[in-house]
Amino acid sequence: MPARRGAEEARARFSELLDAAERGDTTIILRRGKPVAAVAPIAECFPKQRSLLPLYGSGRGLCAKTIRELREEGERGWTACRRARCC
């Protein structure tokens, strides 16, 4: 369970909260008893993303439509939408 600190206490001891985050601990910041923010290790907030490079080219042949076909399909949809006056 993460530690919980009031906003004033968190402001007064912010460097300690950063030290705790470096150690892997999360602290919830409260304002008037309600959680409003967290000081957490960066890896917890932004997990490392896998590289997409190994997937490069693996989707060839999955889509039979050409750019022109997609463009024409979009134009047909937009024209129908304007006729129906929904946009």
N, C-alpha and C. Protein backbone atom coordinates (compact mmCIF):
# COMPACT_ATOMS: atom_id res chain seq x y z
N MET A 1 0.85 -1.18 0.00
CA MET A 1 0.00 0.00 0.00
C MET A 1 0.90 1.25 0.00
N PRO A 2 0.68 2.15 -0.95
CA PRO A 2 1.50 3.35 -1.02
C PRO A 2 1.29 4.25 0.21
N ALA A 3 2.35 4.97 0.57
CA ALA A 3 2.25 5.95 1.65
C ALA A 3 1.33 7.08 1.20
N ARG A 4 0.68 7.74 2.16
CA ARG A 4 -0.22 8.85 1.85
C ARG A 4 0.24 10.06 2.67
N ARG A 5 0.32 11.20 2.00
CA ARG A 5 0.76 12.42 2.65
C ARG A 5 -0.16 13.57 2.25
N GLY A 6 -0.41 14.47 3.19
CA GLY A 6 -1.16 15.68 2.89
C GLY A 6 -0.32 16.60 2.01
N ALA A 7 -0.97 17.51 1.31
CA ALA A 7 -0.28 18.40 0.38
C ALA A 7 0.79 19.24 1.07
N GLU A 8 0.48 19.80 2.24
CA GLU A 8 1.46 20.63 2.94
C GLU A 8 2.67 19.82 3.38
N GLU A 9 2.42 18.63 3.91
CA GLU A 9 3.53 17.76 4.33
C GLU A 9 4.38 17.35 3.13
N ALA A 10 3.71 17.04 2.02
CA ALA A 10 4.43 16.64 0.81
C ALA A 10 5.31 17.79 0.32
N ARG A 11 4.79 19.01 0.38
CA ARG A 11 5.58 20.17 -0.06
C ARG A 11 6.78 20.36 0.84
N ALA A 12 6.58 20.20 2.13
CA ALA A 12 7.67 20.40 3.09
C ALA A 12 8.73 19.30 2.99
N ARG A 13 8.34 18.11 2.59
CA ARG A 13 9.27 16.97 2.55
C ARG A 13 9.43 16.40 1.15
N PHE A 14 9.34 17.25 0.16
CA PHE A 14 9.37 16.78 -1.22
C PHE A 14 10.65 16.01 -1.56
N SER A 15 11.78 16.47 -1.07
CA SER A 15 13.03 15.76 -1.39
C SER A 15 13.01 14.33 -0.82
N GLU A 16 12.38 14.15 0.33
CA GLU A 16 12.26 12.80 0.91
C GLU A 16 11.35 11.92 0.03
N LEU A 17 10.30 12.53 -0.53
CA LEU A 17 9.40 11.78 -1.41
C LEU A 17 10.14 11.36 -2.69
N LEU A 18 11.01 12.24 -3.19
CA LEU A 18 11.80 11.88 -4.37
C LEU A 18 12.77 10.75 -4.05
N ASP A 19 13.38 10.80 -2.87
CA ASP A 19 14.27 9.71 -2.45
C ASP A 19 13.51 8.39 -2.38
N ALA A 20 12.29 8.45 -1.85
CA ALA A 20 11.47 7.23 -1.74
C ALA A 20 11.12 6.71 -3.14
N ALA A 21 10.83 7.62 -4.07
CA ALA A 21 10.53 7.19 -5.44
C ALA A 21 11.74 6.53 -6.07
N GLU A 22 12.92 7.06 -5.81
CA GLU A 22 14.15 6.43 -6.34
C GLU A 22 14.32 5.02 -5.80
N ARG A 23 13.86 4.80 -4.57
CA ARG A 23 13.96 3.45 -3.98
C ARG A 23 12.85 2.53 -4.47
N GLY A 24 11.88 3.09 -5.22
CA GLY A 24 10.81 2.26 -5.76
C GLY A 24 9.48 2.41 -5.04
N ASP A 25 9.40 3.35 -4.09
CA ASP A 25 8.17 3.54 -3.32
C ASP A 25 7.30 4.61 -3.96
N THR A 26 5.99 4.43 -3.87
CA THR A 26 5.02 5.40 -4.38
C THR A 26 4.37 6.12 -3.20
N THR A 27 4.15 7.42 -3.35
CA THR A 27 3.48 8.21 -2.33
C THR A 27 2.28 8.91 -2.95
N ILE A 28 1.12 8.77 -2.34
CA ILE A 28 -0.10 9.43 -2.79
C ILE A 28 -0.21 10.78 -2.06
N ILE A 29 -0.47 11.85 -2.81
CA ILE A 29 -0.62 13.18 -2.23
C ILE A 29 -2.11 13.48 -2.09
N LEU A 30 -2.51 13.92 -0.89
CA LEU A 30 -3.92 14.19 -0.59
C LEU A 30 -4.14 15.70 -0.45
N ARG A 31 -5.30 16.14 -0.90
CA ARG A 31 -5.75 17.52 -0.65
C ARG A 31 -7.12 17.40 0.00
N ARG A 32 -7.21 17.92 1.20
CA ARG A 32 -8.45 17.81 1.98
C ARG A 32 -8.92 16.36 2.10
N GLY A 33 -7.95 15.46 2.25
CA GLY A 33 -8.24 14.05 2.46
C GLY A 33 -8.53 13.24 1.21
N LYS A 34 -8.51 13.90 0.03
CA LYS A 34 -8.78 13.18 -1.22
C LYS A 34 -7.51 13.06 -2.05
N PRO A 35 -7.25 11.89 -2.63
CA PRO A 35 -6.05 11.71 -3.45
C PRO A 35 -6.10 12.57 -4.72
N VAL A 36 -5.03 13.33 -4.98
CA VAL A 36 -4.99 14.19 -6.16
C VAL A 36 -3.75 13.98 -7.02
N ALA A 37 -2.72 13.36 -6.46
CA ALA A 37 -1.48 13.17 -7.23
C ALA A 37 -0.67 12.04 -6.61
N ALA A 38 0.38 11.66 -7.32
CA ALA A 38 1.27 10.62 -6.81
C ALA A 38 2.70 10.96 -7.19
N VAL A 39 3.62 10.63 -6.31
CA VAL A 39 5.04 10.69 -6.61
C VAL A 39 5.47 9.23 -6.70
N ALA A 40 5.84 8.81 -7.90
CA ALA A 40 6.11 7.39 -8.14
C ALA A 40 7.37 7.22 -8.97
N PRO A 41 7.98 6.04 -8.91
CA PRO A 41 9.14 5.78 -9.77
C PRO A 41 8.74 5.95 -11.24
N ILE A 42 9.61 6.54 -12.01
CA ILE A 42 9.30 6.82 -13.42
C ILE A 42 8.98 5.53 -14.19
N ALA A 43 9.63 4.44 -13.87
CA ALA A 43 9.39 3.18 -14.57
C ALA A 43 7.97 2.68 -14.34
N GLU A 44 7.38 3.05 -13.20
CA GLU A 44 6.01 2.64 -12.90
C GLU A 44 5.01 3.40 -13.78
N CYS A 45 5.34 4.64 -14.10
CA CYS A 45 4.44 5.47 -14.90
C CYS A 45 4.64 5.26 -16.39
N PHE A 46 5.87 5.02 -16.79
CA PHE A 46 6.20 4.87 -18.21
C PHE A 46 7.01 3.59 -18.40
N PRO A 47 6.34 2.44 -18.47
CA PRO A 47 7.09 1.20 -18.66
C PRO A 47 7.83 1.23 -19.99
N LYS A 48 8.96 0.57 -20.02
CA LYS A 48 9.78 0.55 -21.23
C LYS A 48 9.02 -0.12 -22.37
N GLN A 49 8.98 0.56 -23.49
CA GLN A 49 8.24 0.05 -24.65
C GLN A 49 9.16 -0.82 -25.51
N ARG A 50 8.61 -1.92 -26.00
CA ARG A 50 9.38 -2.78 -26.91
C ARG A 50 9.61 -2.04 -28.21
N SER A 51 10.72 -2.32 -28.83
CA SER A 51 11.01 -1.74 -30.13
C SER A 51 10.09 -2.35 -31.18
N LEU A 52 9.63 -1.52 -32.10
CA LEU A 52 8.77 -2.00 -33.17
C LEU A 52 9.56 -2.40 -34.41
N LEU A 53 10.87 -2.18 -34.39
CA LEU A 53 11.69 -2.50 -35.55
C LEU A 53 11.61 -3.97 -35.99
N PRO A 54 11.57 -4.95 -35.07
CA PRO A 54 11.46 -6.33 -35.53
C PRO A 54 10.18 -6.63 -36.30
N LEU A 55 9.17 -5.78 -36.13
CA LEU A 55 7.90 -5.99 -36.82
C LEU A 55 7.86 -5.34 -38.19
N TYR A 56 8.88 -4.56 -38.52
CA TYR A 56 8.90 -3.82 -39.78
C TYR A 56 8.70 -4.77 -40.96
N GLY A 57 7.74 -4.45 -41.79
CA GLY A 57 7.50 -5.24 -43.00
C GLY A 57 6.65 -6.47 -42.79
N SER A 58 6.31 -6.79 -41.56
CA SER A 58 5.57 -8.02 -41.32
C SER A 58 4.11 -7.92 -41.73
N GLY A 59 3.62 -6.72 -42.05
CA GLY A 59 2.22 -6.56 -42.41
C GLY A 59 1.96 -6.52 -43.90
N ARG A 60 2.98 -6.74 -44.69
CA ARG A 60 2.79 -6.68 -46.15
C ARG A 60 1.76 -7.70 -46.60
N GLY A 61 0.90 -7.25 -47.48
CA GLY A 61 -0.09 -8.15 -48.05
C GLY A 61 -1.34 -8.33 -47.22
N LEU A 62 -1.39 -7.69 -46.04
CA LEU A 62 -2.56 -7.85 -45.20
C LEU A 62 -3.73 -6.97 -45.66
N CYS A 63 -3.41 -5.88 -46.31
CA CYS A 63 -4.45 -4.95 -46.75
C CYS A 63 -4.47 -4.93 -48.27
N ALA A 64 -5.60 -5.31 -48.84
CA ALA A 64 -5.70 -5.39 -50.30
C ALA A 64 -6.01 -4.04 -50.92
N LYS A 65 -6.50 -3.09 -50.13
CA LYS A 65 -6.89 -1.80 -50.68
C LYS A 65 -5.66 -0.92 -50.93
N THR A 66 -5.74 -0.18 -52.01
CA THR A 66 -4.67 0.77 -52.30
C THR A 66 -5.02 2.11 -51.67
N ILE A 67 -4.07 3.00 -51.66
CA ILE A 67 -4.30 4.34 -51.14
C ILE A 67 -5.45 5.01 -51.90
N ARG A 68 -5.45 4.85 -53.22
CA ARG A 68 -6.51 5.46 -54.04
C ARG A 68 -7.88 4.92 -53.63
N GLU A 69 -7.98 3.60 -53.42
CA GLU A 69 -9.26 3.01 -53.02
C GLU A 69 -9.71 3.54 -51.67
N LEU A 70 -8.78 3.69 -50.75
CA LEU A 70 -9.12 4.22 -49.44
C LEU A 70 -9.57 5.67 -49.53
N ARG A 71 -8.88 6.46 -50.35
CA ARG A 71 -9.24 7.86 -50.53
C ARG A 71 -10.65 7.98 -51.12
N GLU A 72 -10.93 7.19 -52.17
CA GLU A 72 -12.25 7.23 -52.81
C GLU A 72 -13.34 6.80 -51.83
N GLU A 73 -13.05 5.79 -51.03
CA GLU A 73 -14.02 5.32 -50.04
C GLU A 73 -14.32 6.43 -49.03
N GLY A 74 -13.29 7.14 -48.60
CA GLY A 74 -13.48 8.24 -47.67
C GLY A 74 -14.28 9.37 -48.28
N GLU A 75 -14.01 9.68 -49.53
CA GLU A 75 -14.75 10.75 -50.21
C GLU A 75 -16.23 10.38 -50.35
N ARG A 76 -16.52 9.11 -50.65
CA ARG A 76 -17.91 8.67 -50.77
C ARG A 76 -18.62 8.83 -49.42
N GLY A 77 -17.93 8.46 -48.36
CA GLY A 77 -18.52 8.58 -47.03
C GLY A 77 -18.76 10.03 -46.66
N TRP A 78 -17.81 10.92 -46.98
CA TRP A 78 -17.94 12.33 -46.66
C TRP A 78 -19.08 12.96 -47.48
N THR A 79 -19.20 12.57 -48.75
CA THR A 79 -20.27 13.10 -49.60
C THR A 79 -21.62 12.68 -49.05
N ALA A 80 -21.76 11.42 -48.66
CA ALA A 80 -23.02 10.93 -48.10
C ALA A 80 -23.33 11.66 -46.79
N CYS A 81 -22.32 11.92 -46.02
CA CYS A 81 -22.50 12.62 -44.75
C CYS A 81 -22.97 14.04 -44.98
N ARG A 82 -22.41 14.73 -45.97
CA ARG A 82 -22.83 16.10 -46.27
C ARG A 82 -24.26 16.12 -46.79
N ARG A 83 -24.61 15.11 -47.61
CA ARG A 83 -26.00 15.04 -48.12
C ARG A 83 -26.99 14.87 -46.97
N ALA A 84 -26.62 14.08 -46.00
CA ALA A 84 -27.49 13.85 -44.86
C ALA A 84 -27.42 14.99 -43.85
N ARG A 85 -26.55 15.94 -44.08
CA ARG A 85 -26.36 17.12 -43.24
C ARG A 85 -26.04 16.76 -41.78
N CYS A 86 -25.24 15.71 -41.62
CA CYS A 86 -24.87 15.33 -40.25
C CYS A 86 -23.55 15.98 -39.84
N CYS A 87 -22.84 16.59 -40.78
CA CYS A 87 -21.57 17.24 -40.44
C CYS A 87 -21.61 18.71 -40.79
